[in-house]
Amino acid sequence: MKLQHYLGGLEGLPESLTLEKRVFVEEWEKRIFGIHVAMMGLSAHLGSALPEYPIAEVPTEFRDEWTWASLRTGAEAMNPFDYFKFRYYEKWLGGISQFFIDQGYVSEEEISALIAAPATVPSGGDPAIDDRVIDYLRRGDSPRRDTAHPKFAVGEQVRIANLPAGAHTRLPGYLRTRVGTVTRIFEGDYGYFVHTGDGIGDPMPIYIVEFAPEELWGVRAEPGANTLYAELFEAYLQPVEEDK
């Protein structure tokens, strides 16, 4: 579990966090967001997604899978010092650029050349590609695969697993080993984009688990309405009885 994904409850951070309220700080960030959306709408996995998209018929040279998991994995793979140095969309830019390099769409030398002498961005585009991306934006890609088959019930106490983290995880580090109470079970079994190596990937229930501040922060817990709720895949939950 890398530092940047274990911030909850840490003390002694060098300075107060600045919560930027603008969605885009600079104009180029809008283009990075658009590139990510286009990659999502042209991802090869959409041919077997729900709903199924005729993605093989789209005249695009992009033939790889790109999901939120791809973007998150790129960020989680960053050196923690770089992670804290760059802004949100700067992390996106780095992850997307590295993906295109790794998959052979562009070389580092070509990117360096474009930085040194920026090319004119072509206008227009292929309507078939544009239509597919817009269709994806409207309909999305549902992770729901079945009705829920939960092992735990609302009101039941659960302990959060301390699983070895792979290249990517959806389990916040500060929740590991903590005990909470199930307050809601979502209506379906949901798959994740990829198998992360720490238990998620195949369809499974998702829960909302409530944590008391004293359970998470101990004597450092502050008074007031500080109850924390987390949405967690079932693979991250364990019966409390296992620890007795």
Protein backbone atom coordinates (compact mmCIF):
# COMPACT_ATOMS: atom_id res chain seq x y z
CA MET A 1 0.00 0.00 0.00
CA LYS A 2 1.72 3.13 -1.19
CA LEU A 3 1.76 6.27 0.91
CA GLN A 4 -0.55 8.27 -1.33
CA HIS A 5 -3.33 5.70 -0.81
CA TYR A 6 -2.95 5.51 2.98
CA LEU A 7 -3.44 9.15 3.95
CA GLY A 8 -6.44 8.70 6.22
CA GLY A 9 -5.50 9.60 9.79
CA LEU A 10 -1.87 10.37 9.08
CA GLU A 11 -0.35 13.16 11.13
CA GLY A 12 2.50 15.52 10.40
CA LEU A 13 1.75 16.25 6.74
CA PRO A 14 3.99 19.13 5.58
CA GLU A 15 1.14 21.59 4.98
CA SER A 16 -2.62 21.91 5.01
CA LEU A 17 -4.46 20.43 2.05
CA THR A 18 -5.76 22.87 -0.54
CA LEU A 19 -9.14 21.77 -1.90
CA GLU A 20 -9.39 23.15 -5.43
CA LYS A 21 -13.05 23.67 -6.34
CA ARG A 22 -12.64 24.26 -10.07
CA VAL A 23 -13.19 21.19 -12.27
CA PHE A 24 -10.54 22.37 -14.74
CA VAL A 25 -7.76 24.71 -13.70
CA GLU A 26 -6.21 25.09 -17.16
CA GLU A 27 -7.63 24.73 -20.67
CA TRP A 28 -5.41 21.77 -21.60
CA GLU A 29 -6.99 19.72 -18.81
CA LYS A 30 -10.26 19.67 -20.75
CA ARG A 31 -8.47 18.00 -23.65
CA ILE A 32 -6.97 15.34 -21.36
CA PHE A 33 -10.42 14.63 -19.98
CA GLY A 34 -11.74 14.36 -23.54
CA ILE A 35 -8.97 11.94 -24.55
CA HIS A 36 -9.79 9.73 -21.56
CA VAL A 37 -13.51 9.77 -22.42
CA ALA A 38 -12.77 8.88 -26.03
CA MET A 39 -10.55 5.99 -24.95
CA MET A 40 -13.33 4.74 -22.64
CA GLY A 41 -15.86 4.96 -25.48
CA LEU A 42 -13.60 3.04 -27.88
CA SER A 43 -12.27 0.44 -25.40
CA ALA A 44 -12.15 -3.08 -26.80
CA HIS A 45 -13.97 -4.52 -23.77
CA LEU A 46 -17.22 -2.78 -24.77
CA GLY A 47 -17.94 -5.57 -27.24
CA SER A 48 -18.78 -7.83 -24.28
CA ALA A 49 -20.03 -5.16 -21.89
CA LEU A 50 -23.58 -4.41 -20.84
CA PRO A 51 -25.00 -3.13 -23.09
CA GLU A 52 -22.96 -4.67 -25.89
CA TYR A 53 -21.50 -2.17 -28.31
CA PRO A 54 -20.53 -3.08 -31.92
CA ILE A 55 -17.06 -1.76 -31.16
CA ALA A 56 -15.35 -3.97 -33.75
CA GLU A 57 -17.20 -2.07 -36.50
CA VAL A 58 -15.81 1.32 -35.47
CA PRO A 59 -13.03 2.55 -37.81
CA THR A 60 -10.50 3.32 -35.08
CA GLU A 61 -6.88 2.26 -34.70
CA PHE A 62 -7.34 2.08 -30.93
CA ARG A 63 -7.83 -1.63 -30.22
CA ASP A 64 -6.92 -1.90 -26.53
CA GLU A 65 -8.91 -1.84 -23.32
CA TRP A 66 -9.03 1.38 -21.33
CA THR A 67 -11.20 1.69 -18.23
CA TRP A 68 -11.21 3.61 -14.95
CA ALA A 69 -9.04 0.79 -13.61
CA SER A 70 -6.40 1.62 -16.23
CA LEU A 71 -6.35 5.25 -15.18
CA ARG A 72 -6.25 4.42 -11.47
CA THR A 73 -3.51 1.83 -11.90
CA GLY A 74 -1.34 4.42 -13.61
CA ALA A 75 -1.78 6.85 -10.72
CA GLU A 76 -1.16 4.20 -8.05
CA ALA A 77 2.05 3.16 -9.80
CA MET A 78 3.53 6.64 -9.46
CA ASN A 79 6.37 7.41 -7.12
CA PRO A 80 4.73 9.01 -4.03
CA PHE A 81 6.89 12.11 -4.37
CA ASP A 82 5.68 12.59 -7.95
CA TYR A 83 2.11 11.88 -6.91
CA PHE A 84 2.10 14.74 -4.42
CA LYS A 85 3.97 17.06 -6.79
CA PHE A 86 1.52 16.91 -9.70
CA ARG A 87 -2.05 18.11 -9.91
CA TYR A 88 -5.00 15.86 -10.71
CA TYR A 89 -4.98 16.07 -14.51
CA GLU A 90 -1.20 16.07 -14.62
CA LYS A 91 -1.44 12.56 -13.18
CA TRP A 92 -3.95 11.69 -15.89
CA LEU A 93 -1.61 13.05 -18.56
CA GLY A 94 1.27 10.94 -17.26
CA GLY A 95 -0.79 7.77 -17.05
CA ILE A 96 -2.36 8.12 -20.49
CA SER A 97 0.96 9.02 -22.11
CA GLN A 98 2.69 6.01 -20.54
CA PHE A 99 -0.13 3.74 -21.70
CA PHE A 100 0.26 4.88 -25.31
CA ILE A 101 4.03 4.36 -25.08
CA ASP A 102 3.70 0.89 -23.52
CA GLN A 103 1.17 -0.20 -26.15
CA GLY A 104 3.31 1.06 -29.03
CA TYR A 105 1.04 3.84 -30.31
CA VAL A 106 3.76 6.46 -29.86
CA SER A 107 7.38 6.60 -28.71
CA GLU A 108 9.00 8.78 -26.09
CA GLU A 109 11.05 10.38 -28.86
CA GLU A 110 7.91 11.33 -30.77
CA ILE A 111 6.38 12.87 -27.66
CA SER A 112 9.57 14.81 -26.98
CA ALA A 113 9.57 16.10 -30.54
CA LEU A 114 5.97 17.28 -30.22
CA ILE A 115 6.79 19.07 -26.98
CA ALA A 116 9.69 20.85 -28.66
CA ALA A 117 7.63 21.81 -31.74
CA PRO A 118 3.91 21.46 -31.06
CA ALA A 119 1.89 20.35 -34.05
CA THR A 120 -1.41 21.86 -35.13
CA VAL A 121 -4.31 19.89 -33.73
CA PRO A 122 -6.43 18.66 -36.67
CA SER A 123 -10.04 19.76 -36.75
CA GLY A 124 -13.04 17.56 -37.38
CA GLY A 125 -13.00 13.80 -37.06
CA ASP A 126 -14.66 10.58 -38.16
CA PRO A 127 -18.42 10.76 -37.47
CA ALA A 128 -18.54 7.01 -36.77
CA ILE A 129 -15.99 7.41 -33.99
CA ASP A 130 -17.68 10.51 -32.62
CA ASP A 131 -21.07 8.77 -32.62
CA ARG A 132 -19.69 5.76 -30.75
CA VAL A 133 -18.11 7.90 -28.03
CA ILE A 134 -21.30 9.96 -27.63
CA ASP A 135 -23.38 6.76 -27.46
CA TYR A 136 -21.12 5.46 -24.72
CA LEU A 137 -21.46 8.70 -22.77
CA ARG A 138 -25.24 8.37 -22.93
CA ARG A 139 -25.56 4.66 -22.09
CA GLY A 140 -22.41 3.87 -20.13
CA ASP A 141 -21.10 0.44 -19.20
CA SER A 142 -23.00 -1.26 -16.38
CA PRO A 143 -20.91 -3.33 -13.93
CA ARG A 144 -24.06 -5.07 -12.66
CA ARG A 145 -24.14 -8.73 -13.63
CA ASP A 146 -26.75 -10.36 -11.36
CA THR A 147 -29.01 -9.88 -8.36
CA ALA A 148 -27.18 -9.59 -5.05
CA HIS A 149 -26.00 -12.73 -3.25
CA PRO A 150 -24.65 -11.20 -0.02
CA LYS A 151 -22.87 -13.12 2.73
CA PHE A 152 -23.46 -10.33 5.24
CA ALA A 153 -26.66 -8.64 6.40
CA VAL A 154 -27.60 -5.07 7.22
CA GLY A 155 -26.72 -4.39 10.86
CA GLU A 156 -23.98 -7.05 10.94
CA GLN A 157 -20.49 -6.14 12.13
CA VAL A 158 -17.64 -6.93 9.76
CA ARG A 159 -13.88 -6.65 9.92
CA ILE A 160 -12.03 -5.23 6.93
CA ALA A 161 -9.45 -7.59 5.49
CA ASN A 162 -5.76 -6.80 5.39
CA LEU A 163 -5.07 -8.27 1.97
CA PRO A 164 -1.77 -7.96 0.10
CA ALA A 165 -2.18 -5.10 -2.36
CA GLY A 166 -1.32 -5.68 -5.99
CA ALA A 167 -0.76 -3.05 -8.66
CA HIS A 168 -4.24 -1.69 -8.02
CA THR A 169 -6.74 -1.83 -5.15
CA ARG A 170 -10.11 -0.32 -4.25
CA LEU A 171 -9.56 -0.78 -0.50
CA PRO A 172 -8.51 2.37 1.39
CA GLY A 173 -5.47 1.62 3.51
CA TYR A 174 -6.78 3.26 6.67
CA LEU A 175 -9.77 0.87 6.80
CA ARG A 176 -7.70 -2.30 6.94
CA THR A 177 -8.33 -4.45 10.06
CA ARG A 178 -11.01 -2.00 11.28
CA VAL A 179 -14.49 -3.10 12.38
CA GLY A 180 -17.63 -1.49 10.97
CA THR A 181 -21.35 -2.12 10.57
CA VAL A 182 -23.14 -2.91 7.31
CA THR A 183 -25.78 -0.24 6.67
CA ARG A 184 -26.74 -1.05 3.08
CA ILE A 185 -26.37 -3.79 0.48
CA PHE A 186 -26.61 -2.71 -3.15
CA GLU A 187 -29.20 -4.43 -5.30
CA GLY A 188 -26.85 -6.42 -7.54
CA ASP A 189 -23.63 -8.35 -7.86
CA TYR A 190 -21.10 -6.08 -9.55
CA GLY A 191 -17.93 -6.91 -11.44
CA TYR A 192 -14.84 -4.74 -11.58
CA PHE A 193 -13.00 -3.79 -14.76
CA VAL A 194 -10.01 -6.04 -14.01
CA HIS A 195 -8.87 -8.66 -11.52
CA THR A 196 -6.74 -6.66 -9.11
CA GLY A 197 -5.04 -9.55 -7.29
CA ASP A 198 -6.61 -8.65 -3.94
CA GLY A 199 -9.94 -10.36 -4.48
CA ILE A 200 -12.07 -8.18 -6.76
CA GLY A 201 -12.87 -8.63 -10.43
CA ASP A 202 -15.62 -11.24 -10.59
CA PRO A 203 -19.19 -10.10 -9.80
CA MET A 204 -19.91 -9.80 -6.08
CA PRO A 205 -22.05 -7.73 -3.70
CA ILE A 206 -21.08 -4.21 -2.69
CA TYR A 207 -21.85 -2.86 0.78
CA ILE A 208 -21.92 0.46 2.55
CA VAL A 209 -20.12 0.02 5.86
CA GLU A 210 -20.29 2.51 8.72
CA PHE A 211 -17.23 3.20 10.88
CA ALA A 212 -17.19 5.05 14.19
CA PRO A 213 -14.46 7.70 14.38
CA GLU A 214 -13.03 6.07 17.51
CA GLU A 215 -12.56 2.82 15.60
CA LEU A 216 -10.55 4.55 12.87
CA TRP A 217 -8.66 7.27 14.73
CA GLY A 218 -8.60 6.03 18.35
CA VAL A 219 -7.76 8.71 20.90
CA ARG A 220 -7.24 11.21 18.06
CA ALA A 221 -10.92 11.06 17.09
CA GLU A 222 -12.56 14.48 17.22
CA PRO A 223 -16.03 15.09 18.67
CA GLY A 224 -18.96 15.71 16.39
CA ALA A 225 -20.60 14.02 13.40
CA ASN A 226 -17.52 12.29 12.05
CA THR A 227 -18.99 8.88 11.21
CA LEU A 228 -17.40 7.50 8.03
CA TYR A 229 -19.21 5.45 5.38
CA ALA A 230 -17.35 3.39 2.77
CA GLU A 231 -18.55 1.45 -0.28
CA LEU A 232 -16.68 -1.86 -0.24
CA PHE A 233 -16.62 -5.00 -2.34
CA GLU A 234 -17.50 -8.19 -0.44
CA ALA A 235 -13.97 -9.58 -0.92
CA TYR A 236 -12.76 -6.90 1.49
CA LEU A 237 -15.11 -7.96 4.30
CA GLN A 238 -14.63 -10.67 6.91
CA PRO A 239 -16.84 -11.94 9.74
CA VAL A 240 -15.79 -10.50 13.10
CA GLU A 241 -16.12 -14.00 14.60
CA GLU A 242 -12.99 -15.14 12.73
CA ASP A 243 -10.86 -13.06 15.11
CA LYS A 244 -12.24 -14.61 18.32
